[in-house]
mmCIF file of all heavy atoms, coordinates in Angstrom:
data_MODEL
# 
_entry.id   MODEL 
# 
loop_
_atom_site.group_PDB 
_atom_site.id 
_atom_site.type_symbol 
_atom_site.label_atom_id 
_atom_site.label_alt_id 
_atom_site.label_comp_id 
_atom_site.label_asym_id 
_atom_site.label_entity_id 
_atom_site.label_seq_id 
_atom_site.pdbx_PDB_ins_code 
_atom_site.Cartn_x 
_atom_site.Cartn_y 
_atom_site.Cartn_z 
_atom_site.occupancy 
_atom_site.B_iso_or_equiv 
_atom_site.pdbx_formal_charge 
_atom_site.auth_seq_id 
_atom_site.auth_comp_id 
_atom_site.auth_asym_id 
_atom_site.auth_atom_id 
_atom_site.pdbx_PDB_model_num 
ATOM 1   N N   . PHE A 1 1  ? -1.779  -4.990 -29.595 1.00 0.00 ? 1  PHE A N   1 
ATOM 2   C CA  . PHE A 1 1  ? -1.270  -3.935 -28.686 1.00 0.00 ? 1  PHE A CA  1 
ATOM 3   C C   . PHE A 1 1  ? -0.179  -4.512 -27.781 1.00 0.00 ? 1  PHE A C   1 
ATOM 4   O O   . PHE A 1 1  ? -0.230  -5.708 -27.423 1.00 0.00 ? 1  PHE A O   1 
ATOM 5   C CB  . PHE A 1 1  ? -2.378  -3.384 -27.793 1.00 0.00 ? 1  PHE A CB  1 
ATOM 6   C CG  . PHE A 1 1  ? -3.423  -2.582 -28.528 1.00 0.00 ? 1  PHE A CG  1 
ATOM 7   C CD1 . PHE A 1 1  ? -4.633  -3.161 -28.913 1.00 0.00 ? 1  PHE A CD1 1 
ATOM 8   C CD2 . PHE A 1 1  ? -3.201  -1.251 -28.839 1.00 0.00 ? 1  PHE A CD2 1 
ATOM 9   C CE1 . PHE A 1 1  ? -5.591  -2.425 -29.588 1.00 0.00 ? 1  PHE A CE1 1 
ATOM 10  C CE2 . PHE A 1 1  ? -4.152  -0.495 -29.502 1.00 0.00 ? 1  PHE A CE2 1 
ATOM 11  C CZ  . PHE A 1 1  ? -5.343  -1.078 -29.894 1.00 0.00 ? 1  PHE A CZ  1 
ATOM 12  N N   . LEU A 1 2  ? 0.758   -3.669 -27.419 1.00 0.00 ? 2  LEU A N   1 
ATOM 13  C CA  . LEU A 1 2  ? 1.766   -4.016 -26.405 1.00 0.00 ? 2  LEU A CA  1 
ATOM 14  C C   . LEU A 1 2  ? 1.238   -3.498 -25.075 1.00 0.00 ? 2  LEU A C   1 
ATOM 15  O O   . LEU A 1 2  ? 0.920   -2.305 -24.961 1.00 0.00 ? 2  LEU A O   1 
ATOM 16  C CB  . LEU A 1 2  ? 3.107   -3.380 -26.731 1.00 0.00 ? 2  LEU A CB  1 
ATOM 17  C CG  . LEU A 1 2  ? 4.245   -3.631 -25.741 1.00 0.00 ? 2  LEU A CG  1 
ATOM 18  C CD1 . LEU A 1 2  ? 4.594   -5.118 -25.703 1.00 0.00 ? 2  LEU A CD1 1 
ATOM 19  C CD2 . LEU A 1 2  ? 5.489   -2.813 -26.144 1.00 0.00 ? 2  LEU A CD2 1 
ATOM 20  N N   . THR A 1 3  ? 1.141   -4.358 -24.067 1.00 0.00 ? 3  THR A N   1 
ATOM 21  C CA  . THR A 1 3  ? 0.501   -3.958 -22.816 1.00 0.00 ? 3  THR A CA  1 
ATOM 22  C C   . THR A 1 3  ? 1.467   -4.027 -21.645 1.00 0.00 ? 3  THR A C   1 
ATOM 23  O O   . THR A 1 3  ? 2.077   -5.064 -21.385 1.00 0.00 ? 3  THR A O   1 
ATOM 24  C CB  . THR A 1 3  ? -0.703  -4.882 -22.510 1.00 0.00 ? 3  THR A CB  1 
ATOM 25  O OG1 . THR A 1 3  ? -1.577  -4.900 -23.623 1.00 0.00 ? 3  THR A OG1 1 
ATOM 26  C CG2 . THR A 1 3  ? -1.481  -4.382 -21.294 1.00 0.00 ? 3  THR A CG2 1 
ATOM 27  N N   . ASP A 1 4  ? 1.625   -2.886 -20.940 1.00 0.00 ? 4  ASP A N   1 
ATOM 28  C CA  . ASP A 1 4  ? 2.351   -2.885 -19.672 1.00 0.00 ? 4  ASP A CA  1 
ATOM 29  C C   . ASP A 1 4  ? 1.309   -2.896 -18.551 1.00 0.00 ? 4  ASP A C   1 
ATOM 30  O O   . ASP A 1 4  ? 0.207   -2.338 -18.697 1.00 0.00 ? 4  ASP A O   1 
ATOM 31  C CB  . ASP A 1 4  ? 3.210   -1.624 -19.565 1.00 0.00 ? 4  ASP A CB  1 
ATOM 32  C CG  . ASP A 1 4  ? 4.432   -1.674 -20.453 1.00 0.00 ? 4  ASP A CG  1 
ATOM 33  O OD1 . ASP A 1 4  ? 4.757   -2.765 -20.920 1.00 0.00 ? 4  ASP A OD1 1 
ATOM 34  O OD2 . ASP A 1 4  ? 5.026   -0.617 -20.702 1.00 0.00 ? 4  ASP A OD2 1 
ATOM 35  N N   . ARG A 1 5  ? 1.675   -3.517 -17.436 1.00 0.00 ? 5  ARG A N   1 
ATOM 36  C CA  . ARG A 1 5  ? 0.707   -3.678 -16.344 1.00 0.00 ? 5  ARG A CA  1 
ATOM 37  C C   . ARG A 1 5  ? 1.232   -3.159 -15.019 1.00 0.00 ? 5  ARG A C   1 
ATOM 38  O O   . ARG A 1 5  ? 2.448   -3.191 -14.758 1.00 0.00 ? 5  ARG A O   1 
ATOM 39  C CB  . ARG A 1 5  ? 0.317   -5.157 -16.185 1.00 0.00 ? 5  ARG A CB  1 
ATOM 40  C CG  . ARG A 1 5  ? -0.479  -5.695 -17.343 1.00 0.00 ? 5  ARG A CG  1 
ATOM 41  C CD  . ARG A 1 5  ? -0.606  -7.191 -17.341 1.00 0.00 ? 5  ARG A CD  1 
ATOM 42  N NE  . ARG A 1 5  ? -1.174  -7.765 -16.131 1.00 0.00 ? 5  ARG A NE  1 
ATOM 43  C CZ  . ARG A 1 5  ? -1.564  -9.016 -16.011 1.00 0.00 ? 5  ARG A CZ  1 
ATOM 44  N NH1 . ARG A 1 5  ? -1.467  -9.854 -17.037 1.00 0.00 ? 5  ARG A NH1 1 
ATOM 45  N NH2 . ARG A 1 5  ? -2.073  -9.469 -14.881 1.00 0.00 ? 5  ARG A NH2 1 
ATOM 46  N N   . ALA A 1 6  ? 0.323   -2.655 -14.209 1.00 0.00 ? 6  ALA A N   1 
ATOM 47  C CA  . ALA A 1 6  ? 0.653   -2.279 -12.831 1.00 0.00 ? 6  ALA A CA  1 
ATOM 48  C C   . ALA A 1 6  ? -0.528  -2.714 -11.966 1.00 0.00 ? 6  ALA A C   1 
ATOM 49  O O   . ALA A 1 6  ? -1.696  -2.610 -12.361 1.00 0.00 ? 6  ALA A O   1 
ATOM 50  C CB  . ALA A 1 6  ? 0.843   -0.772 -12.712 1.00 0.00 ? 6  ALA A CB  1 
ATOM 51  N N   . ALA A 1 7  ? -0.205  -3.227 -10.764 1.00 0.00 ? 7  ALA A N   1 
ATOM 52  C CA  . ALA A 1 7  ? -1.238  -3.764 -9.878  1.00 0.00 ? 7  ALA A CA  1 
ATOM 53  C C   . ALA A 1 7  ? -1.616  -2.827 -8.747  1.00 0.00 ? 7  ALA A C   1 
ATOM 54  O O   . ALA A 1 7  ? -2.403  -3.185 -7.879  1.00 0.00 ? 7  ALA A O   1 
ATOM 55  C CB  . ALA A 1 7  ? -0.791  -5.123 -9.323  1.00 0.00 ? 7  ALA A CB  1 
ATOM 56  N N   . ASN A 1 8  ? -1.033  -1.647 -8.734  1.00 0.00 ? 8  ASN A N   1 
ATOM 57  C CA  . ASN A 1 8  ? -1.401  -0.659 -7.709  1.00 0.00 ? 8  ASN A CA  1 
ATOM 58  C C   . ASN A 1 8  ? -1.222  0.743  -8.281  1.00 0.00 ? 8  ASN A C   1 
ATOM 59  O O   . ASN A 1 8  ? -0.562  0.937  -9.309  1.00 0.00 ? 8  ASN A O   1 
ATOM 60  C CB  . ASN A 1 8  ? -0.587  -0.836 -6.413  1.00 0.00 ? 8  ASN A CB  1 
ATOM 61  C CG  . ASN A 1 8  ? 0.901   -0.605 -6.629  1.00 0.00 ? 8  ASN A CG  1 
ATOM 62  O OD1 . ASN A 1 8  ? 1.342   0.521  -6.785  1.00 0.00 ? 8  ASN A OD1 1 
ATOM 63  N ND2 . ASN A 1 8  ? 1.684   -1.694 -6.642  1.00 0.00 ? 8  ASN A ND2 1 
ATOM 64  N N   . GLY A 1 9  ? -1.825  1.723  -7.606  1.00 0.00 ? 9  GLY A N   1 
ATOM 65  C CA  . GLY A 1 9  ? -1.844  3.071  -8.132  1.00 0.00 ? 9  GLY A CA  1 
ATOM 66  C C   . GLY A 1 9  ? -0.467  3.710  -8.207  1.00 0.00 ? 9  GLY A C   1 
ATOM 67  O O   . GLY A 1 9  ? -0.162  4.440  -9.169  1.00 0.00 ? 9  GLY A O   1 
ATOM 68  N N   . ARG A 1 10 ? 0.379   3.459  -7.228  1.00 0.00 ? 10 ARG A N   1 
ATOM 69  C CA  . ARG A 1 10 ? 1.705   4.112  -7.214  1.00 0.00 ? 10 ARG A CA  1 
ATOM 70  C C   . ARG A 1 10 ? 2.562   3.642  -8.382  1.00 0.00 ? 10 ARG A C   1 
ATOM 71  O O   . ARG A 1 10 ? 3.211   4.446  -9.068  1.00 0.00 ? 10 ARG A O   1 
ATOM 72  C CB  . ARG A 1 10 ? 2.410   3.869  -5.877  1.00 0.00 ? 10 ARG A CB  1 
ATOM 73  C CG  . ARG A 1 10 ? 1.707   4.508  -4.696  1.00 0.00 ? 10 ARG A CG  1 
ATOM 74  C CD  . ARG A 1 10 ? 2.506   4.413  -3.422  1.00 0.00 ? 10 ARG A CD  1 
ATOM 75  N NE  . ARG A 1 10 ? 1.751   4.893  -2.275  1.00 0.00 ? 10 ARG A NE  1 
ATOM 76  C CZ  . ARG A 1 10 ? 1.522   6.150  -1.981  1.00 0.00 ? 10 ARG A CZ  1 
ATOM 77  N NH1 . ARG A 1 10 ? 2.020   7.092  -2.753  1.00 0.00 ? 10 ARG A NH1 1 
ATOM 78  N NH2 . ARG A 1 10 ? 0.821   6.487  -0.925  1.00 0.00 ? 10 ARG A NH2 1 
ATOM 79  N N   . ASP A 1 11 ? 2.602   2.327  -8.609  1.00 0.00 ? 11 ASP A N   1 
ATOM 80  C CA  . ASP A 1 11 ? 3.365   1.819  -9.740  1.00 0.00 ? 11 ASP A CA  1 
ATOM 81  C C   . ASP A 1 11 ? 2.777   2.293  -11.050 1.00 0.00 ? 11 ASP A C   1 
ATOM 82  O O   . ASP A 1 11 ? 3.515   2.614  -11.991 1.00 0.00 ? 11 ASP A O   1 
ATOM 83  C CB  . ASP A 1 11 ? 3.412   0.268  -9.701  1.00 0.00 ? 11 ASP A CB  1 
ATOM 84  C CG  . ASP A 1 11 ? 4.243   -0.257 -8.547  1.00 0.00 ? 11 ASP A CG  1 
ATOM 85  O OD1 . ASP A 1 11 ? 5.003   0.525  -7.946  1.00 0.00 ? 11 ASP A OD1 1 
ATOM 86  O OD2 . ASP A 1 11 ? 4.106   -1.458 -8.224  1.00 0.00 ? 11 ASP A OD2 1 
ATOM 87  N N   . GLY A 1 12 ? 1.450   2.319  -11.116 1.00 0.00 ? 12 GLY A N   1 
ATOM 88  C CA  . GLY A 1 12 ? 0.785   2.782  -12.324 1.00 0.00 ? 12 GLY A CA  1 
ATOM 89  C C   . GLY A 1 12 ? 1.113   4.213  -12.632 1.00 0.00 ? 12 GLY A C   1 
ATOM 90  O O   . GLY A 1 12 ? 1.402   4.560  -13.803 1.00 0.00 ? 12 GLY A O   1 
ATOM 91  N N   . LEU A 1 13 ? 1.113   5.056  -11.639 1.00 0.00 ? 13 LEU A N   1 
ATOM 92  C CA  . LEU A 1 13 ? 1.441   6.491  -11.852 1.00 0.00 ? 13 LEU A CA  1 
ATOM 93  C C   . LEU A 1 13 ? 2.875   6.643  -12.320 1.00 0.00 ? 13 LEU A C   1 
ATOM 94  O O   . LEU A 1 13 ? 3.169   7.438  -13.215 1.00 0.00 ? 13 LEU A O   1 
ATOM 95  C CB  . LEU A 1 13 ? 1.220   7.272  -10.554 1.00 0.00 ? 13 LEU A CB  1 
ATOM 96  C CG  . LEU A 1 13 ? 1.558   8.751  -10.564 1.00 0.00 ? 13 LEU A CG  1 
ATOM 97  C CD1 . LEU A 1 13 ? 0.739   9.470  -11.633 1.00 0.00 ? 13 LEU A CD1 1 
ATOM 98  C CD2 . LEU A 1 13 ? 1.321   9.374  -9.182  1.00 0.00 ? 13 LEU A CD2 1 
ATOM 99  N N   . PHE A 1 14 ? 3.781   5.872  -11.731 1.00 0.00 ? 14 PHE A N   1 
ATOM 100 C CA  . PHE A 1 14 ? 5.200   5.920  -12.120 1.00 0.00 ? 14 PHE A CA  1 
ATOM 101 C C   . PHE A 1 14 ? 5.358   5.575  -13.617 1.00 0.00 ? 14 PHE A C   1 
ATOM 102 O O   . PHE A 1 14 ? 6.073   6.270  -14.360 1.00 0.00 ? 14 PHE A O   1 
ATOM 103 C CB  . PHE A 1 14 ? 6.033   4.972  -11.265 1.00 0.00 ? 14 PHE A CB  1 
ATOM 104 C CG  . PHE A 1 14 ? 7.479   4.891  -11.662 1.00 0.00 ? 14 PHE A CG  1 
ATOM 105 C CD1 . PHE A 1 14 ? 8.361   5.900  -11.359 1.00 0.00 ? 14 PHE A CD1 1 
ATOM 106 C CD2 . PHE A 1 14 ? 7.941   3.806  -12.390 1.00 0.00 ? 14 PHE A CD2 1 
ATOM 107 C CE1 . PHE A 1 14 ? 9.696   5.832  -11.737 1.00 0.00 ? 14 PHE A CE1 1 
ATOM 108 C CE2 . PHE A 1 14 ? 9.272   3.727  -12.779 1.00 0.00 ? 14 PHE A CE2 1 
ATOM 109 C CZ  . PHE A 1 14 ? 10.148  4.743  -12.453 1.00 0.00 ? 14 PHE A CZ  1 
ATOM 110 N N   . LEU A 1 15 ? 4.703   4.500  -14.038 1.00 0.00 ? 15 LEU A N   1 
ATOM 111 C CA  . LEU A 1 15 ? 4.795   4.079  -15.443 1.00 0.00 ? 15 LEU A CA  1 
ATOM 112 C C   . LEU A 1 15 ? 4.157   5.105  -16.370 1.00 0.00 ? 15 LEU A C   1 
ATOM 113 O O   . LEU A 1 15 ? 4.674   5.403  -17.451 1.00 0.00 ? 15 LEU A O   1 
ATOM 114 C CB  . LEU A 1 15 ? 4.119   2.712  -15.648 1.00 0.00 ? 15 LEU A CB  1 
ATOM 115 C CG  . LEU A 1 15 ? 4.852   1.511  -15.042 1.00 0.00 ? 15 LEU A CG  1 
ATOM 116 C CD1 . LEU A 1 15 ? 3.973   0.264  -15.161 1.00 0.00 ? 15 LEU A CD1 1 
ATOM 117 C CD2 . LEU A 1 15 ? 6.171   1.274  -15.741 1.00 0.00 ? 15 LEU A CD2 1 
ATOM 118 N N   . ALA A 1 16 ? 3.025   5.654  -15.927 1.00 0.00 ? 16 ALA A N   1 
ATOM 119 C CA  . ALA A 1 16 ? 2.255   6.588  -16.790 1.00 0.00 ? 16 ALA A CA  1 
ATOM 120 C C   . ALA A 1 16 ? 3.001   7.861  -17.109 1.00 0.00 ? 16 ALA A C   1 
ATOM 121 O O   . ALA A 1 16 ? 2.743   8.494  -18.134 1.00 0.00 ? 16 ALA A O   1 
ATOM 122 C CB  . ALA A 1 16 ? 0.939   6.899  -16.141 1.00 0.00 ? 16 ALA A CB  1 
ATOM 123 N N   . THR A 1 17 ? 3.931   8.241  -16.265 1.00 0.00 ? 17 THR A N   1 
ATOM 124 C CA  . THR A 1 17 ? 4.614   9.529  -16.448 1.00 0.00 ? 17 THR A CA  1 
ATOM 125 C C   . THR A 1 17 ? 5.627   9.538  -17.592 1.00 0.00 ? 17 THR A C   1 
ATOM 126 O O   . THR A 1 17 ? 6.125   10.591 -17.937 1.00 0.00 ? 17 THR A O   1 
ATOM 127 C CB  . THR A 1 17 ? 5.322   9.953  -15.152 1.00 0.00 ? 17 THR A CB  1 
ATOM 128 O OG1 . THR A 1 17 ? 6.232   8.910  -14.741 1.00 0.00 ? 17 THR A OG1 1 
ATOM 129 C CG2 . THR A 1 17 ? 4.336   10.237 -14.034 1.00 0.00 ? 17 THR A CG2 1 
ATOM 130 N N   . ASP A 1 18 ? 5.912   8.368  -18.193 1.00 0.00 ? 18 ASP A N   1 
ATOM 131 C CA  . ASP A 1 18 ? 6.903   8.400  -19.275 1.00 0.00 ? 18 ASP A CA  1 
ATOM 132 C C   . ASP A 1 18 ? 6.300   8.852  -20.593 1.00 0.00 ? 18 ASP A C   1 
ATOM 133 O O   . ASP A 1 18 ? 7.035   9.166  -21.546 1.00 0.00 ? 18 ASP A O   1 
ATOM 134 C CB  . ASP A 1 18 ? 7.620   7.048  -19.415 1.00 0.00 ? 18 ASP A CB  1 
ATOM 135 C CG  . ASP A 1 18 ? 6.785   5.983  -20.126 1.00 0.00 ? 18 ASP A CG  1 
ATOM 136 O OD1 . ASP A 1 18 ? 5.627   6.292  -20.509 1.00 0.00 ? 18 ASP A OD1 1 
ATOM 137 O OD2 . ASP A 1 18 ? 7.287   4.871  -20.294 1.00 0.00 ? 18 ASP A OD2 1 
ATOM 138 N N   . GLY A 1 19 ? 4.967   8.942  -20.663 1.00 0.00 ? 19 GLY A N   1 
ATOM 139 C CA  . GLY A 1 19 ? 4.303   9.559  -21.809 1.00 0.00 ? 19 GLY A CA  1 
ATOM 140 C C   . GLY A 1 19 ? 4.343   8.790  -23.116 1.00 0.00 ? 19 GLY A C   1 
ATOM 141 O O   . GLY A 1 19 ? 4.058   9.345  -24.170 1.00 0.00 ? 19 GLY A O   1 
ATOM 142 N N   . THR A 1 20 ? 4.698   7.497  -23.087 1.00 0.00 ? 20 THR A N   1 
ATOM 143 C CA  . THR A 1 20 ? 4.815   6.732  -24.338 1.00 0.00 ? 20 THR A CA  1 
ATOM 144 C C   . THR A 1 20 ? 3.549   5.922  -24.662 1.00 0.00 ? 20 THR A C   1 
ATOM 145 O O   . THR A 1 20 ? 3.517   5.251  -25.680 1.00 0.00 ? 20 THR A O   1 
ATOM 146 C CB  . THR A 1 20 ? 6.010   5.756  -24.272 1.00 0.00 ? 20 THR A CB  1 
ATOM 147 O OG1 . THR A 1 20 ? 5.774   4.818  -23.207 1.00 0.00 ? 20 THR A OG1 1 
ATOM 148 C CG2 . THR A 1 20 ? 7.293   6.511  -24.033 1.00 0.00 ? 20 THR A CG2 1 
ATOM 149 N N   . TYR A 1 21 ? 2.554   5.997  -23.806 1.00 0.00 ? 21 TYR A N   1 
ATOM 150 C CA  . TYR A 1 21 ? 1.337   5.176  -24.000 1.00 0.00 ? 21 TYR A CA  1 
ATOM 151 C C   . TYR A 1 21 ? 0.303   5.923  -24.837 1.00 0.00 ? 21 TYR A C   1 
ATOM 152 O O   . TYR A 1 21 ? 0.115   7.135  -24.691 1.00 0.00 ? 21 TYR A O   1 
ATOM 153 C CB  . TYR A 1 21 ? 0.748   4.774  -22.663 1.00 0.00 ? 21 TYR A CB  1 
ATOM 154 C CG  . TYR A 1 21 ? 1.711   3.945  -21.829 1.00 0.00 ? 21 TYR A CG  1 
ATOM 155 C CD1 . TYR A 1 21 ? 2.456   4.510  -20.807 1.00 0.00 ? 21 TYR A CD1 1 
ATOM 156 C CD2 . TYR A 1 21 ? 1.880   2.586  -22.111 1.00 0.00 ? 21 TYR A CD2 1 
ATOM 157 C CE1 . TYR A 1 21 ? 3.349   3.748  -20.065 1.00 0.00 ? 21 TYR A CE1 1 
ATOM 158 C CE2 . TYR A 1 21 ? 2.774   1.820  -21.383 1.00 0.00 ? 21 TYR A CE2 1 
ATOM 159 C CZ  . TYR A 1 21 ? 3.508   2.414  -20.356 1.00 0.00 ? 21 TYR A CZ  1 
ATOM 160 O OH  . TYR A 1 21 ? 4.408   1.648  -19.654 1.00 0.00 ? 21 TYR A OH  1 
ATOM 161 N N   . CYS A 1 22 ? -0.386  5.187  -25.676 1.00 0.00 ? 22 CYS A N   1 
ATOM 162 C CA  . CYS A 1 22 ? -1.449  5.782  -26.470 1.00 0.00 ? 22 CYS A CA  1 
ATOM 163 C C   . CYS A 1 22 ? -2.764  5.813  -25.692 1.00 0.00 ? 22 CYS A C   1 
ATOM 164 O O   . CYS A 1 22 ? -3.699  6.552  -26.038 1.00 0.00 ? 22 CYS A O   1 
ATOM 165 C CB  . CYS A 1 22 ? -1.637  5.058  -27.794 1.00 0.00 ? 22 CYS A CB  1 
ATOM 166 S SG  . CYS A 1 22 ? -2.101  3.330  -27.650 1.00 0.00 ? 22 CYS A SG  1 
ATOM 167 N N   . CYS A 1 23 ? -2.852  5.008  -24.618 1.00 0.00 ? 23 CYS A N   1 
ATOM 168 C CA  . CYS A 1 23 ? -4.049  4.957  -23.803 1.00 0.00 ? 23 CYS A CA  1 
ATOM 169 C C   . CYS A 1 23 ? -3.745  4.298  -22.465 1.00 0.00 ? 23 CYS A C   1 
ATOM 170 O O   . CYS A 1 23 ? -2.877  3.399  -22.386 1.00 0.00 ? 23 CYS A O   1 
ATOM 171 C CB  . CYS A 1 23 ? -5.162  4.182  -24.514 1.00 0.00 ? 23 CYS A CB  1 
ATOM 172 S SG  . CYS A 1 23 ? -6.735  4.094  -23.620 1.00 0.00 ? 23 CYS A SG  1 
ATOM 173 N N   . ILE A 1 24 ? -4.414  4.749  -21.402 1.00 0.00 ? 24 ILE A N   1 
ATOM 174 C CA  . ILE A 1 24 ? -4.300  4.141  -20.082 1.00 0.00 ? 24 ILE A CA  1 
ATOM 175 C C   . ILE A 1 24 ? -5.656  3.602  -19.678 1.00 0.00 ? 24 ILE A C   1 
ATOM 176 O O   . ILE A 1 24 ? -6.653  4.335  -19.706 1.00 0.00 ? 24 ILE A O   1 
ATOM 177 C CB  . ILE A 1 24 ? -3.804  5.170  -19.042 1.00 0.00 ? 24 ILE A CB  1 
ATOM 178 C CG1 . ILE A 1 24 ? -2.411  5.674  -19.378 1.00 0.00 ? 24 ILE A CG1 1 
ATOM 179 C CG2 . ILE A 1 24 ? -3.782  4.534  -17.635 1.00 0.00 ? 24 ILE A CG2 1 
ATOM 180 C CD1 . ILE A 1 24 ? -1.967  6.870  -18.549 1.00 0.00 ? 24 ILE A CD1 1 
ATOM 181 N N   . VAL A 1 25 ? -5.702  2.347  -19.327 1.00 0.00 ? 25 VAL A N   1 
ATOM 182 C CA  . VAL A 1 25 ? -6.929  1.731  -18.782 1.00 0.00 ? 25 VAL A CA  1 
ATOM 183 C C   . VAL A 1 25 ? -6.738  1.660  -17.267 1.00 0.00 ? 25 VAL A C   1 
ATOM 184 O O   . VAL A 1 25 ? -5.839  0.974  -16.778 1.00 0.00 ? 25 VAL A O   1 
ATOM 185 C CB  . VAL A 1 25 ? -7.193  0.331  -19.378 1.00 0.00 ? 25 VAL A CB  1 
ATOM 186 C CG1 . VAL A 1 25 ? -8.448  -0.280 -18.780 1.00 0.00 ? 25 VAL A CG1 1 
ATOM 187 C CG2 . VAL A 1 25 ? -7.301  0.419  -20.896 1.00 0.00 ? 25 VAL A CG2 1 
ATOM 188 N N   . LEU A 1 26 ? -7.577  2.379  -16.533 1.00 0.00 ? 26 LEU A N   1 
ATOM 189 C CA  . LEU A 1 26 ? -7.345  2.632  -15.114 1.00 0.00 ? 26 LEU A CA  1 
ATOM 190 C C   . LEU A 1 26 ? -8.506  2.156  -14.256 1.00 0.00 ? 26 LEU A C   1 
ATOM 191 O O   . LEU A 1 26 ? -9.622  2.682  -14.377 1.00 0.00 ? 26 LEU A O   1 
ATOM 192 C CB  . LEU A 1 26 ? -7.124  4.140  -14.922 1.00 0.00 ? 26 LEU A CB  1 
ATOM 193 C CG  . LEU A 1 26 ? -6.975  4.681  -13.505 1.00 0.00 ? 26 LEU A CG  1 
ATOM 194 C CD1 . LEU A 1 26 ? -5.715  4.130  -12.846 1.00 0.00 ? 26 LEU A CD1 1 
ATOM 195 C CD2 . LEU A 1 26 ? -6.946  6.196  -13.509 1.00 0.00 ? 26 LEU A CD2 1 
ATOM 196 N N   . ASP A 1 27 ? -8.238  1.192  -13.391 1.00 0.00 ? 27 ASP A N   1 
ATOM 197 C CA  . ASP A 1 27 ? -9.244  0.774  -12.421 1.00 0.00 ? 27 ASP A CA  1 
ATOM 198 C C   . ASP A 1 27 ? -9.435  1.901  -11.403 1.00 0.00 ? 27 ASP A C   1 
ATOM 199 O O   . ASP A 1 27 ? -8.472  2.584  -11.021 1.00 0.00 ? 27 ASP A O   1 
ATOM 200 C CB  . ASP A 1 27 ? -8.780  -0.507 -11.708 1.00 0.00 ? 27 ASP A CB  1 
ATOM 201 C CG  . ASP A 1 27 ? -9.838  -1.073 -10.770 1.00 0.00 ? 27 ASP A CG  1 
ATOM 202 O OD1 . ASP A 1 27 ? -11.027 -0.798 -10.970 1.00 0.00 ? 27 ASP A OD1 1 
ATOM 203 O OD2 . ASP A 1 27 ? -9.447  -1.784 -9.819  1.00 0.00 ? 27 ASP A OD2 1 
# 
């Protein structure tokens, strides 16, 4: 798998909105 990472909720939300991920693992 190719993994992108975010260490806080705001950055994670920004990345998640591009819709290219097959799954989000969310703390």
